[in-house]
Amino acid sequence: MLPSLIRRQATNVLSRIPQQRGPIQSPVQFLNAIGRDSADKLGNVASNWTWEEMWSVKADTLKNAGVTVKDRKYLLWAMQKYREGGEPTSFAIPLKPKKKVRGWGPRVQNGKRVHVRR
């Protein structure tokens, strides 16, 4: 019974590495395809990865490399979508632009505080 469990686990790990498809033939090309400057943020780490190493990366490895939580979550989410057969052009989500006006609602207009006379 134990050898069958080991065999199932080993085949599961191998099946989690997707085939290279279309224009995506390397880890750097995958990171460029998912956007959000992922290739720049992971440049020093991802440049040394092989295709198999990229798909076996864990969140702890990315954390130790100094990747932020938001970027780690996005990368792991995009990797799972690619494993399921999706194309990065269909599931890549662009980064939200930064808000221009923060704070007090109508009291702040065009980035300047408006003083209201009472």
PDB file of N, CA and C in Angstrom:
ATOM      1  N   MET A   1       0.816  -1.187   0.000  1.00  0.00           N
ATOM      2  CA  MET A   1       0.000   0.000   0.000  1.00  0.00           C
ATOM      3  C   MET A   1       0.868   1.262   0.000  1.00  0.00           C
ATOM      4  N   LEU A   2       1.945   1.250   0.698  1.00  0.00           N
ATOM      5  CA  LEU A   2       2.822   2.410   0.758  1.00  0.00           C
ATOM      6  C   LEU A   2       3.468   2.742  -0.590  1.00  0.00           C
ATOM      7  N   PRO A   3       3.962   1.758  -1.365  1.00  0.00           N
ATOM      8  CA  PRO A   3       4.548   2.119  -2.662  1.00  0.00           C
ATOM      9  C   PRO A   3       3.550   2.769  -3.614  1.00  0.00           C
ATOM     10  N   SER A   4       2.271   2.394  -3.546  1.00  0.00           N
ATOM     11  CA  SER A   4       1.294   3.026  -4.436  1.00  0.00           C
ATOM     12  C   SER A   4       1.103   4.497  -4.080  1.00  0.00           C
ATOM     13  N   LEU A   5       1.190   4.818  -2.780  1.00  0.00           N
ATOM     14  CA  LEU A   5       1.075   6.215  -2.369  1.00  0.00           C
ATOM     15  C   LEU A   5       2.276   7.022  -2.861  1.00  0.00           C
ATOM     16  N   ILE A   6       3.438   6.439  -2.793  1.00  0.00           N
ATOM     17  CA  ILE A   6       4.640   7.128  -3.247  1.00  0.00           C
ATOM     18  C   ILE A   6       4.568   7.365  -4.751  1.00  0.00           C
ATOM     19  N   ARG A   7       4.120   6.388  -5.490  1.00  0.00           N
ATOM     20  CA  ARG A   7       4.025   6.527  -6.934  1.00  0.00           C
ATOM     21  C   ARG A   7       3.020   7.620  -7.296  1.00  0.00           C
ATOM     22  N   ARG A   8       1.896   7.662  -6.616  1.00  0.00           N
ATOM     23  CA  ARG A   8       0.872   8.667  -6.891  1.00  0.00           C
ATOM     24  C   ARG A   8       1.422  10.062  -6.593  1.00  0.00           C
ATOM     25  N   GLN A   9       2.148  10.197  -5.512  1.00  0.00           N
ATOM     26  CA  GLN A   9       2.695  11.490  -5.152  1.00  0.00           C
ATOM     27  C   GLN A   9       3.750  11.930  -6.168  1.00  0.00           C
ATOM     28  N   ALA A  10       4.581  11.019  -6.617  1.00  0.00           N
ATOM     29  CA  ALA A  10       5.628  11.371  -7.573  1.00  0.00           C
ATOM     30  C   ALA A  10       5.037  11.784  -8.919  1.00  0.00           C
ATOM     31  N   THR A  11       4.015  11.096  -9.385  1.00  0.00           N
ATOM     32  CA  THR A  11       3.409  11.470 -10.658  1.00  0.00           C
ATOM     33  C   THR A  11       2.648  12.784 -10.535  1.00  0.00           C
ATOM     34  N   ASN A  12       2.107  13.061  -9.353  1.00  0.00           N
ATOM     35  CA  ASN A  12       1.403  14.311  -9.146  1.00  0.00           C
ATOM     36  C   ASN A  12       2.361  15.493  -9.268  1.00  0.00           C
ATOM     37  N   VAL A  13       3.565  15.367  -8.719  1.00  0.00           N
ATOM     38  CA  VAL A  13       4.542  16.442  -8.793  1.00  0.00           C
ATOM     39  C   VAL A  13       4.963  16.659 -10.237  1.00  0.00           C
ATOM     40  N   LEU A  14       5.176  15.594 -10.982  1.00  0.00           N
ATOM     41  CA  LEU A  14       5.589  15.734 -12.372  1.00  0.00           C
ATOM     42  C   LEU A  14       4.488  16.331 -13.235  1.00  0.00           C
ATOM     43  N   SER A  15       3.239  16.030 -12.935  1.00  0.00           N
ATOM     44  CA  SER A  15       2.146  16.554 -13.738  1.00  0.00           C
ATOM     45  C   SER A  15       1.874  18.026 -13.440  1.00  0.00           C
ATOM     46  N   ARG A  16       2.425  18.553 -12.362  1.00  0.00           N
ATOM     47  CA  ARG A  16       2.211  19.949 -12.025  1.00  0.00           C
ATOM     48  C   ARG A  16       3.086  20.877 -12.856  1.00  0.00           C
ATOM     49  N   ILE A  17       4.082  20.335 -13.563  1.00  0.00           N
ATOM     50  CA  ILE A  17       4.936  21.150 -14.415  1.00  0.00           C
ATOM     51  C   ILE A  17       4.321  21.171 -15.806  1.00  0.00           C
ATOM     52  N   PRO A  18       3.782  22.315 -16.244  1.00  0.00           N
ATOM     53  CA  PRO A  18       3.121  22.359 -17.553  1.00  0.00           C
ATOM     54  C   PRO A  18       4.134  22.373 -18.692  1.00  0.00           C
ATOM     55  N   GLN A  19       3.664  22.002 -19.858  1.00  0.00           N
ATOM     56  CA  GLN A  19       4.496  22.054 -21.049  1.00  0.00           C
ATOM     57  C   GLN A  19       4.660  23.508 -21.487  1.00  0.00           C
ATOM     58  N   GLN A  20       5.783  23.799 -22.114  1.00  0.00           N
ATOM     59  CA  GLN A  20       5.990  25.132 -22.667  1.00  0.00           C
ATOM     60  C   GLN A  20       5.135  25.253 -23.915  1.00  0.00           C
ATOM     61  N   ARG A  21       4.313  26.326 -23.960  1.00  0.00           N
ATOM     62  CA  ARG A  21       3.407  26.480 -25.097  1.00  0.00           C
ATOM     63  C   ARG A  21       3.552  27.865 -25.697  1.00  0.00           C
ATOM     64  N   GLY A  22       3.346  27.912 -27.012  1.00  0.00           N
ATOM     65  CA  GLY A  22       3.308  29.177 -27.736  1.00  0.00           C
ATOM     66  C   GLY A  22       4.584  29.984 -27.577  1.00  0.00           C
ATOM     67  N   PRO A  23       4.444  31.283 -27.343  1.00  0.00           N
ATOM     68  CA  PRO A  23       5.633  32.137 -27.247  1.00  0.00           C
ATOM     69  C   PRO A  23       6.353  32.026 -25.905  1.00  0.00           C
ATOM     70  N   ILE A  24       5.785  31.293 -24.968  1.00  0.00           N
ATOM     71  CA  ILE A  24       6.386  31.180 -23.637  1.00  0.00           C
ATOM     72  C   ILE A  24       7.269  29.942 -23.598  1.00  0.00           C
ATOM     73  N   GLN A  25       8.585  30.170 -23.651  1.00  0.00           N
ATOM     74  CA  GLN A  25       9.547  29.071 -23.670  1.00  0.00           C
ATOM     75  C   GLN A  25      10.530  29.128 -22.506  1.00  0.00           C
ATOM     76  N   SER A  26      10.469  30.180 -21.680  1.00  0.00           N
ATOM     77  CA  SER A  26      11.396  30.303 -20.549  1.00  0.00           C
ATOM     78  C   SER A  26      10.683  31.002 -19.393  1.00  0.00           C
ATOM     79  N   PRO A  27      11.244  30.906 -18.191  1.00  0.00           N
ATOM     80  CA  PRO A  27      10.633  31.587 -17.041  1.00  0.00           C
ATOM     81  C   PRO A  27      10.543  33.103 -17.217  1.00  0.00           C
ATOM     82  N   VAL A  28      11.554  33.705 -17.829  1.00  0.00           N
ATOM     83  CA  VAL A  28      11.536  35.157 -18.016  1.00  0.00           C
ATOM     84  C   VAL A  28      10.420  35.549 -18.983  1.00  0.00           C
ATOM     85  N   GLN A  29      10.196  34.767 -20.029  1.00  0.00           N
ATOM     86  CA  GLN A  29       9.111  35.056 -20.961  1.00  0.00           C
ATOM     87  C   GLN A  29       7.755  34.909 -20.278  1.00  0.00           C
ATOM     88  N   PHE A  30       7.622  33.941 -19.381  1.00  0.00           N
ATOM     89  CA  PHE A  30       6.372  33.792 -18.622  1.00  0.00           C
ATOM     90  C   PHE A  30       6.143  35.009 -17.744  1.00  0.00           C
ATOM     91  N   LEU A  31       7.172  35.463 -17.050  1.00  0.00           N
ATOM     92  CA  LEU A  31       7.024  36.624 -16.169  1.00  0.00           C
ATOM     93  C   LEU A  31       6.693  37.881 -16.961  1.00  0.00           C
ATOM     94  N   ASN A  32       7.266  38.029 -18.143  1.00  0.00           N
ATOM     95  CA  ASN A  32       6.917  39.173 -18.995  1.00  0.00           C
ATOM     96  C   ASN A  32       5.476  39.083 -19.465  1.00  0.00           C
ATOM     97  N   ALA A  33       5.004  37.873 -19.741  1.00  0.00           N
ATOM     98  CA  ALA A  33       3.645  37.688 -20.254  1.00  0.00           C
ATOM     99  C   ALA A  33       2.582  37.995 -19.202  1.00  0.00           C
ATOM    100  N   ILE A  34       2.857  37.698 -17.923  1.00  0.00           N
ATOM    101  CA  ILE A  34       1.842  37.954 -16.899  1.00  0.00           C
ATOM    102  C   ILE A  34       1.826  39.415 -16.470  1.00  0.00           C
ATOM    103  N   GLY A  35       2.835  40.187 -16.845  1.00  0.00           N
ATOM    104  CA  GLY A  35       2.828  41.627 -16.604  1.00  0.00           C
ATOM    105  C   GLY A  35       3.189  42.022 -15.191  1.00  0.00           C
ATOM    106  N   ARG A  36       2.777  43.237 -14.817  1.00  0.00           N
ATOM    107  CA  ARG A  36       3.038  43.842 -13.503  1.00  0.00           C
ATOM    108  C   ARG A  36       4.525  43.940 -13.185  1.00  0.00           C
ATOM    109  N   ASP A  37       5.363  44.033 -14.189  1.00  0.00           N
ATOM    110  CA  ASP A  37       6.819  44.125 -14.017  1.00  0.00           C
ATOM    111  C   ASP A  37       7.368  42.950 -13.208  1.00  0.00           C
ATOM    112  N   SER A  38       6.760  41.787 -13.373  1.00  0.00           N
ATOM    113  CA  SER A  38       7.193  40.609 -12.632  1.00  0.00           C
ATOM    114  C   SER A  38       8.625  40.225 -12.979  1.00  0.00           C
ATOM    115  N   ALA A  39       9.008  40.383 -14.230  1.00  0.00           N
ATOM    116  CA  ALA A  39      10.367  40.030 -14.634  1.00  0.00           C
ATOM    117  C   ALA A  39      11.385  40.948 -13.964  1.00  0.00           C
ATOM    118  N   ASP A  40      11.040  42.222 -13.791  1.00  0.00           N
ATOM    119  CA  ASP A  40      11.952  43.152 -13.129  1.00  0.00           C
ATOM    120  C   ASP A  40      12.037  42.879 -11.634  1.00  0.00           C
ATOM    121  N   LYS A  41      10.889  42.588 -11.016  1.00  0.00           N
ATOM    122  CA  LYS A  41      10.862  42.357  -9.570  1.00  0.00           C
ATOM    123  C   LYS A  41      11.560  41.061  -9.186  1.00  0.00           C
ATOM    124  N   LEU A  42      11.510  40.067 -10.074  1.00  0.00           N
ATOM    125  CA  LEU A  42      12.146  38.774  -9.802  1.00  0.00           C
ATOM    126  C   LEU A  42      13.378  38.552 -10.659  1.00  0.00           C
ATOM    127  N   GLY A  43      13.907  39.608 -11.249  1.00  0.00           N
ATOM    128  CA  GLY A  43      14.991  39.490 -12.215  1.00  0.00           C
ATOM    129  C   GLY A  43      16.191  38.720 -11.723  1.00  0.00           C
ATOM    130  N   ASN A  44      16.700  39.054 -10.541  1.00  0.00           N
ATOM    131  CA  ASN A  44      17.900  38.383 -10.050  1.00  0.00           C
ATOM    132  C   ASN A  44      17.629  36.935  -9.650  1.00  0.00           C
ATOM    133  N   VAL A  45      16.435  36.616  -9.246  1.00  0.00           N
ATOM    134  CA  VAL A  45      16.096  35.253  -8.849  1.00  0.00           C
ATOM    135  C   VAL A  45      15.696  34.421 -10.063  1.00  0.00           C
ATOM    136  N   ALA A  46      14.826  34.970 -10.908  1.00  0.00           N
ATOM    137  CA  ALA A  46      14.254  34.212 -12.015  1.00  0.00           C
ATOM    138  C   ALA A  46      15.215  34.003 -13.168  1.00  0.00           C
ATOM    139  N   SER A  47      16.244  34.816 -13.277  1.00  0.00           N
ATOM    140  CA  SER A  47      17.165  34.663 -14.398  1.00  0.00           C
ATOM    141  C   SER A  47      17.932  33.346 -14.324  1.00  0.00           C
ATOM    142  N   ASN A  48      18.086  32.781 -13.142  1.00  0.00           N
ATOM    143  CA  ASN A  48      18.818  31.528 -12.975  1.00  0.00           C
ATOM    144  C   ASN A  48      17.915  30.298 -12.978  1.00  0.00           C
ATOM    145  N   TRP A  49      16.600  30.487 -13.022  1.00  0.00           N
ATOM    146  CA  TRP A  49      15.666  29.367 -12.967  1.00  0.00           C
ATOM    147  C   TRP A  49      15.612  28.618 -14.285  1.00  0.00           C
ATOM    148  N   THR A  50      15.460  27.300 -14.173  1.00  0.00           N
ATOM    149  CA  THR A  50      15.075  26.510 -15.334  1.00  0.00           C
ATOM    150  C   THR A  50      13.555  26.417 -15.311  1.00  0.00           C
ATOM    151  N   TRP A  51      12.973  25.844 -16.358  1.00  0.00           N
ATOM    152  CA  TRP A  51      11.512  25.722 -16.426  1.00  0.00           C
ATOM    153  C   TRP A  51      10.996  24.887 -15.252  1.00  0.00           C
ATOM    154  N   GLU A  52      11.678  23.793 -14.935  1.00  0.00           N
ATOM    155  CA  GLU A  52      11.239  22.913 -13.839  1.00  0.00           C
ATOM    156  C   GLU A  52      11.395  23.588 -12.483  1.00  0.00           C
ATOM    157  N   GLU A  53      12.465  24.347 -12.298  1.00  0.00           N
ATOM    158  CA  GLU A  53      12.674  25.030 -11.013  1.00  0.00           C
ATOM    159  C   GLU A  53      11.602  26.084 -10.762  1.00  0.00           C
ATOM    160  N   MET A  54      11.185  26.766 -11.817  1.00  0.00           N
ATOM    161  CA  MET A  54      10.171  27.799 -11.641  1.00  0.00           C
ATOM    162  C   MET A  54       8.860  27.205 -11.145  1.00  0.00           C
ATOM    163  N   TRP A  55       8.492  26.050 -11.674  1.00  0.00           N
ATOM    164  CA  TRP A  55       7.208  25.461 -11.305  1.00  0.00           C
ATOM    165  C   TRP A  55       7.254  24.732  -9.972  1.00  0.00           C
ATOM    166  N   SER A  56       8.433  24.589  -9.399  1.00  0.00           N
ATOM    167  CA  SER A  56       8.517  23.978  -8.073  1.00  0.00           C
ATOM    168  C   SER A  56       8.775  25.020  -6.989  1.00  0.00           C
ATOM    169  N   VAL A  57       8.749  26.302  -7.344  1.00  0.00           N
ATOM    170  CA  VAL A  57       9.008  27.363  -6.372  1.00  0.00           C
ATOM    171  C   VAL A  57       7.840  27.471  -5.388  1.00  0.00           C
ATOM    172  N   LYS A  58       8.165  27.777  -4.163  1.00  0.00           N
ATOM    173  CA  LYS A  58       7.164  27.937  -3.099  1.00  0.00           C
ATOM    174  C   LYS A  58       7.153  29.390  -2.628  1.00  0.00           C
ATOM    175  N   ALA A  59       6.130  29.740  -1.893  1.00  0.00           N
ATOM    176  CA  ALA A  59       5.987  31.110  -1.391  1.00  0.00           C
ATOM    177  C   ALA A  59       7.140  31.476  -0.459  1.00  0.00           C
ATOM    178  N   ASP A  60       7.644  30.523   0.320  1.00  0.00           N
ATOM    179  CA  ASP A  60       8.753  30.805   1.235  1.00  0.00           C
ATOM    180  C   ASP A  60      10.010  31.210   0.480  1.00  0.00           C
ATOM    181  N   THR A  61      10.264  30.570  -0.651  1.00  0.00           N
ATOM    182  CA  THR A  61      11.429  30.911  -1.464  1.00  0.00           C
ATOM    183  C   THR A  61      11.319  32.344  -1.967  1.00  0.00           C
ATOM    184  N   LEU A  62      10.120  32.717  -2.419  1.00  0.00           N
ATOM    185  CA  LEU A  62       9.911  34.071  -2.905  1.00  0.00           C
ATOM    186  C   LEU A  62      10.018  35.087  -1.770  1.00  0.00           C
ATOM    187  N   LYS A  63       9.529  34.715  -0.596  1.00  0.00           N
ATOM    188  CA  LYS A  63       9.604  35.606   0.560  1.00  0.00           C
ATOM    189  C   LYS A  63      11.057  35.868   0.944  1.00  0.00           C
ATOM    190  N   ASN A  64      11.862  34.816   0.944  1.00  0.00           N
ATOM    191  CA  ASN A  64      13.280  34.971   1.276  1.00  0.00           C
ATOM    192  C   ASN A  64      14.021  35.784   0.223  1.00  0.00           C
ATOM    193  N   ALA A  65      13.501  35.805  -0.999  1.00  0.00           N
ATOM    194  CA  ALA A  65      14.111  36.594  -2.074  1.00  0.00           C
ATOM    195  C   ALA A  65      13.698  38.058  -2.002  1.00  0.00           C
ATOM    196  N   GLY A  66      12.769  38.394  -1.093  1.00  0.00           N
ATOM    197  CA  GLY A  66      12.371  39.781  -0.904  1.00  0.00           C
ATOM    198  C   GLY A  66      11.196  40.224  -1.754  1.00  0.00           C
ATOM    199  N   VAL A  67      10.401  39.282  -2.234  1.00  0.00           N
ATOM    200  CA  VAL A  67       9.234  39.621  -3.050  1.00  0.00           C
ATOM    201  C   VAL A  67       8.081  39.984  -2.120  1.00  0.00           C
ATOM    202  N   THR A  68       7.342  41.045  -2.443  1.00  0.00           N
ATOM    203  CA  THR A  68       6.251  41.488  -1.575  1.00  0.00           C
ATOM    204  C   THR A  68       5.098  40.484  -1.606  1.00  0.00           C
ATOM    205  N   VAL A  69       4.230  40.582  -0.629  1.00  0.00           N
ATOM    206  CA  VAL A  69       3.107  39.652  -0.494  1.00  0.00           C
ATOM    207  C   VAL A  69       2.196  39.723  -1.715  1.00  0.00           C
ATOM    208  N   LYS A  70       1.864  40.929  -2.153  1.00  0.00           N
ATOM    209  CA  LYS A  70       0.971  41.106  -3.292  1.00  0.00           C
ATOM    210  C   LYS A  70       1.563  40.478  -4.552  1.00  0.00           C
ATOM    211  N   ASP A  71       2.861  40.655  -4.762  1.00  0.00           N
ATOM    212  CA  ASP A  71       3.520  40.091  -5.948  1.00  0.00           C
ATOM    213  C   ASP A  71       3.628  38.571  -5.860  1.00  0.00           C
ATOM    214  N   ARG A  72       3.873  38.056  -4.652  1.00  0.00           N
ATOM    215  CA  ARG A  72       3.918  36.591  -4.474  1.00  0.00           C
ATOM    216  C   ARG A  72       2.573  35.967  -4.791  1.00  0.00           C
ATOM    217  N   LYS A  73       1.509  36.557  -4.254  1.00  0.00           N
ATOM    218  CA  LYS A  73       0.168  36.014  -4.490  1.00  0.00           C
ATOM    219  C   LYS A  73      -0.174  36.044  -5.973  1.00  0.00           C
ATOM    220  N   TYR A  74       0.150  37.145  -6.638  1.00  0.00           N
ATOM    221  CA  TYR A  74      -0.162  37.265  -8.062  1.00  0.00           C
ATOM    222  C   TYR A  74       0.632  36.247  -8.879  1.00  0.00           C
ATOM    223  N   LEU A  75       1.910  36.090  -8.573  1.00  0.00           N
ATOM    224  CA  LEU A  75       2.737  35.139  -9.321  1.00  0.00           C
ATOM    225  C   LEU A  75       2.235  33.709  -9.138  1.00  0.00           C
ATOM    226  N   LEU A  76       1.955  33.303  -7.918  1.00  0.00           N
ATOM    227  CA  LEU A  76       1.487  31.938  -7.671  1.00  0.00           C
ATOM    228  C   LEU A  76       0.106  31.708  -8.286  1.00  0.00           C
ATOM    229  N   TRP A  77      -0.757  32.740  -8.260  1.00  0.00           N
ATOM    230  CA  TRP A  77      -2.072  32.639  -8.893  1.00  0.00           C
ATOM    231  C   TRP A  77      -1.926  32.470 -10.399  1.00  0.00           C
ATOM    232  N   ALA A  78      -1.047  33.263 -11.020  1.00  0.00           N
ATOM    233  CA  ALA A  78      -0.838  33.186 -12.462  1.00  0.00           C
ATOM    234  C   ALA A  78      -0.226  31.839 -12.856  1.00  0.00           C
ATOM    235  N   MET A  79       0.657  31.318 -12.033  1.00  0.00           N
ATOM    236  CA  MET A  79       1.253  30.009 -12.322  1.00  0.00           C
ATOM    237  C   MET A  79       0.184  28.916 -12.294  1.00  0.00           C
ATOM    238  N   GLN A  80      -0.738  28.993 -11.345  1.00  0.00           N
ATOM    239  CA  GLN A  80      -1.802  27.995 -11.271  1.00  0.00           C
ATOM    240  C   GLN A  80      -2.734  28.090 -12.477  1.00  0.00           C
ATOM    241  N   LYS A  81      -3.051  29.317 -12.904  1.00  0.00           N
ATOM    242  CA  LYS A  81      -3.887  29.488 -14.096  1.00  0.00           C
ATOM    243  C   LYS A  81      -3.201  28.905 -15.330  1.00  0.00           C
ATOM    244  N   TYR A  82      -1.888  29.078 -15.449  1.00  0.00           N
ATOM    245  CA  TYR A  82      -1.146  28.534 -16.586  1.00  0.00           C
ATOM    246  C   TYR A  82      -1.129  27.001 -16.517  1.00  0.00           C
ATOM    247  N   ARG A  83      -0.993  26.457 -15.312  1.00  0.00           N
ATOM    248  CA  ARG A  83      -1.046  24.992 -15.140  1.00  0.00           C
ATOM    249  C   ARG A  83      -2.377  24.435 -15.617  1.00  0.00           C
ATOM    250  N   GLU A  84      -3.458  25.192 -15.380  1.00  0.00           N
ATOM    251  CA  GLU A  84      -4.802  24.736 -15.754  1.00  0.00           C
ATOM    252  C   GLU A  84      -5.082  24.911 -17.238  1.00  0.00           C
ATOM    253  N   GLY A  85      -4.124  25.460 -17.987  1.00  0.00           N
ATOM    254  CA  GLY A  85      -4.270  25.566 -19.432  1.00  0.00           C
ATOM    255  C   GLY A  85      -4.597  26.947 -19.949  1.00  0.00           C
ATOM    256  N   GLY A  86      -4.658  27.935 -19.083  1.00  0.00           N
ATOM    257  CA  GLY A  86      -4.974  29.287 -19.521  1.00  0.00           C
ATOM    258  C   GLY A  86      -3.783  29.976 -20.166  1.00  0.00           C
ATOM    259  N   GLU A  87      -4.076  30.931 -21.018  1.00  0.00           N
ATOM    260  CA  GLU A  87      -3.040  31.740 -21.646  1.00  0.00           C
ATOM    261  C   GLU A  87      -2.900  33.045 -20.874  1.00  0.00           C
ATOM    262  N   PRO A  88      -1.676  33.511 -20.650  1.00  0.00           N
ATOM    263  CA  PRO A  88      -1.479  34.743 -19.876  1.00  0.00           C
ATOM    264  C   PRO A  88      -2.194  35.964 -20.446  1.00  0.00           C
ATOM    265  N   THR A  89      -2.400  36.003 -21.751  1.00  0.00           N
ATOM    266  CA  THR A  89      -3.100  37.150 -22.324  1.00  0.00           C
ATOM    267  C   THR A  89      -4.556  37.202 -21.873  1.00  0.00           C
ATOM    268  N   SER A  90      -5.115  36.055 -21.515  1.00  0.00           N
ATOM    269  CA  SER A  90      -6.518  36.035 -21.102  1.00  0.00           C
ATOM    270  C   SER A  90      -6.702  36.243 -19.602  1.00  0.00           C
ATOM    271  N   PHE A  91      -5.703  35.890 -18.787  1.00  0.00           N
ATOM    272  CA  PHE A  91      -5.907  36.017 -17.339  1.00  0.00           C
ATOM    273  C   PHE A  91      -5.040  37.067 -16.662  1.00  0.00           C
ATOM    274  N   ALA A  92      -4.103  37.679 -17.351  1.00  0.00           N
ATOM    275  CA  ALA A  92      -3.236  38.686 -16.731  1.00  0.00           C
ATOM    276  C   ALA A  92      -4.059  39.912 -16.351  1.00  0.00           C
ATOM    277  N   ILE A  93      -3.889  40.369 -15.119  1.00  0.00           N
ATOM    278  CA  ILE A  93      -4.628  41.517 -14.607  1.00  0.00           C
ATOM    279  C   ILE A  93      -3.640  42.663 -14.428  1.00  0.00           C
ATOM    280  N   PRO A  94      -3.884  43.805 -15.082  1.00  0.00           N
ATOM    281  CA  PRO A  94      -2.949  44.929 -14.911  1.00  0.00           C
ATOM    282  C   PRO A  94      -3.047  45.510 -13.503  1.00  0.00           C
ATOM    283  N   LEU A  95      -1.978  46.145 -13.095  1.00  0.00           N
ATOM    284  CA  LEU A  95      -1.923  46.763 -11.778  1.00  0.00           C
ATOM    285  C   LEU A  95      -2.852  47.970 -11.748  1.00  0.00           C
ATOM    286  N   LYS A  96      -3.580  48.155 -10.644  1.00  0.00           N
ATOM    287  CA  LYS A  96      -4.479  49.300 -10.515  1.00  0.00           C
ATOM    288  C   LYS A  96      -3.642  50.573 -10.391  1.00  0.00           C
ATOM    289  N   PRO A  97      -4.071  51.649 -11.056  1.00  0.00           N
ATOM    290  CA  PRO A  97      -3.329  52.906 -10.909  1.00  0.00           C
ATOM    291  C   PRO A  97      -3.515  53.475  -9.502  1.00  0.00           C
ATOM    292  N   LYS A  98      -2.524  54.232  -9.084  1.00  0.00           N
ATOM    293  CA  LYS A  98      -2.580  54.827  -7.766  1.00  0.00           C
ATOM    294  C   LYS A  98      -3.653  55.907  -7.724  1.00  0.00           C
ATOM    295  N   LYS A  99      -4.339  56.027  -6.602  1.00  0.00           N
ATOM    296  CA  LYS A  99      -5.364  57.060  -6.460  1.00  0.00           C
ATOM    297  C   LYS A  99      -4.708  58.441  -6.489  1.00  0.00           C
ATOM    298  N   LYS A 100      -5.372  59.385  -7.136  1.00  0.00           N
ATOM    299  CA  LYS A 100      -4.805  60.725  -7.238  1.00  0.00           C
ATOM    300  C   LYS A 100      -5.152  61.572  -6.025  1.00  0.00           C
ATOM    301  N   VAL A 101      -6.360  61.416  -5.517  1.00  0.00           N
ATOM    302  CA  VAL A 101      -6.794  62.214  -4.378  1.00  0.00           C
ATOM    303  C   VAL A 101      -7.110  61.263  -3.235  1.00  0.00           C
ATOM    304  N   ARG A 102      -6.503  61.497  -2.124  1.00  0.00           N
ATOM    305  CA  ARG A 102      -6.744  60.664  -0.954  1.00  0.00           C
ATOM    306  C   ARG A 102      -7.305  61.531   0.158  1.00  0.00           C
ATOM    307  N   GLY A 103      -8.063  60.930   1.019  1.00  0.00           N
ATOM    308  CA  GLY A 103      -8.371  61.630   2.245  1.00  0.00           C
ATOM    309  C   GLY A 103      -9.774  62.086   2.447  1.00  0.00           C
ATOM    310  N   TRP A 104      -9.971  63.371   2.487  1.00  0.00           N
ATOM    311  CA  TRP A 104     -11.147  63.959   3.101  1.00  0.00           C
ATOM    312  C   TRP A 104     -12.349  64.110   2.180  1.00  0.00           C
ATOM    313  N   GLY A 105     -12.396  63.470   1.078  1.00  0.00           N
ATOM    314  CA  GLY A 105     -13.554  63.562   0.208  1.00  0.00           C
ATOM    315  C   GLY A 105     -13.670  64.934  -0.414  1.00  0.00           C
ATOM    316  N   PRO A 106     -14.844  65.605  -0.281  1.00  0.00           N
ATOM    317  CA  PRO A 106     -15.032  66.893  -0.934  1.00  0.00           C
ATOM    318  C   PRO A 106     -14.157  68.007  -0.365  1.00  0.00           C
ATOM    319  N   ARG A 107     -13.567  67.811   0.807  1.00  0.00           N
ATOM    320  CA  ARG A 107     -12.684  68.831   1.369  1.00  0.00           C
ATOM    321  C   ARG A 107     -11.379  68.934   0.596  1.00  0.00           C
ATOM    322  N   VAL A 108     -11.028  67.873  -0.142  1.00  0.00           N
ATOM    323  CA  VAL A 108      -9.803  67.884  -0.928  1.00  0.00           C
ATOM    324  C   VAL A 108     -10.197  67.886  -2.387  1.00  0.00           C
ATOM    325  N   GLN A 109      -9.763  68.907  -3.116  1.00  0.00           N
ATOM    326  CA  GLN A 109     -10.064  69.015  -4.539  1.00  0.00           C
ATOM    327  C   GLN A 109      -8.768  69.278  -5.286  1.00  0.00           C
ATOM    328  N   ASN A 110      -8.522  68.473  -6.319  1.00  0.00           N
ATOM    329  CA  ASN A 110      -7.299  68.583  -7.112  1.00  0.00           C
ATOM    330  C   ASN A 110      -6.041  68.456  -6.256  1.00  0.00           C
ATOM    331  N   GLY A 111      -6.123  67.656  -5.234  1.00  0.00           N
ATOM    332  CA  GLY A 111      -4.965  67.403  -4.387  1.00  0.00           C
ATOM    333  C   GLY A 111      -4.683  68.496  -3.371  1.00  0.00           C
ATOM    334  N   LYS A 112      -5.542  69.503  -3.275  1.00  0.00           N
ATOM    335  CA  LYS A 112      -5.330  70.586  -2.322  1.00  0.00           C
ATOM    336  C   LYS A 112      -6.501  70.649  -1.363  1.00  0.00           C
ATOM    337  N   ARG A 113      -6.195  70.956  -0.131  1.00  0.00           N
ATOM    338  CA  ARG A 113      -7.240  71.056   0.881  1.00  0.00           C
ATOM    339  C   ARG A 113      -8.029  72.351   0.679  1.00  0.00           C
ATOM    340  N   VAL A 114      -9.336  72.225   0.652  1.00  0.00           N
ATOM    341  CA  VAL A 114     -10.205  73.377   0.450  1.00  0.00           C
ATOM    342  C   VAL A 114     -10.754  73.775   1.818  1.00  0.00           C
ATOM    343  N   HIS A 115     -10.548  75.043   2.166  1.00  0.00           N
ATOM    344  CA  HIS A 115     -11.065  75.537   3.447  1.00  0.00           C
ATOM    345  C   HIS A 115     -12.475  76.059   3.238  1.00  0.00           C
ATOM    346  N   VAL A 116     -13.359  75.576   4.048  1.00  0.00           N
ATOM    347  CA  VAL A 116     -14.760  75.966   3.941  1.00  0.00           C
ATOM    348  C   VAL A 116     -15.069  76.981   5.024  1.00  0.00           C
ATOM    349  N   ARG A 117     -15.689  78.095   4.602  1.00  0.00           N
ATOM    350  CA  ARG A 117     -16.077  79.110   5.598  1.00  0.00           C
ATOM    351  C   ARG A 117     -17.445  78.751   6.132  1.00  0.00           C
ATOM    352  N   ARG A 118     -17.630  78.898   7.388  1.00  0.00           N
ATOM    353  CA  ARG A 118     -18.921  78.562   8.008  1.00  0.00           C
ATOM    354  C   ARG A 118     -19.602  79.782   8.497  1.00  0.00           C
TER     355      ARG A 118
END
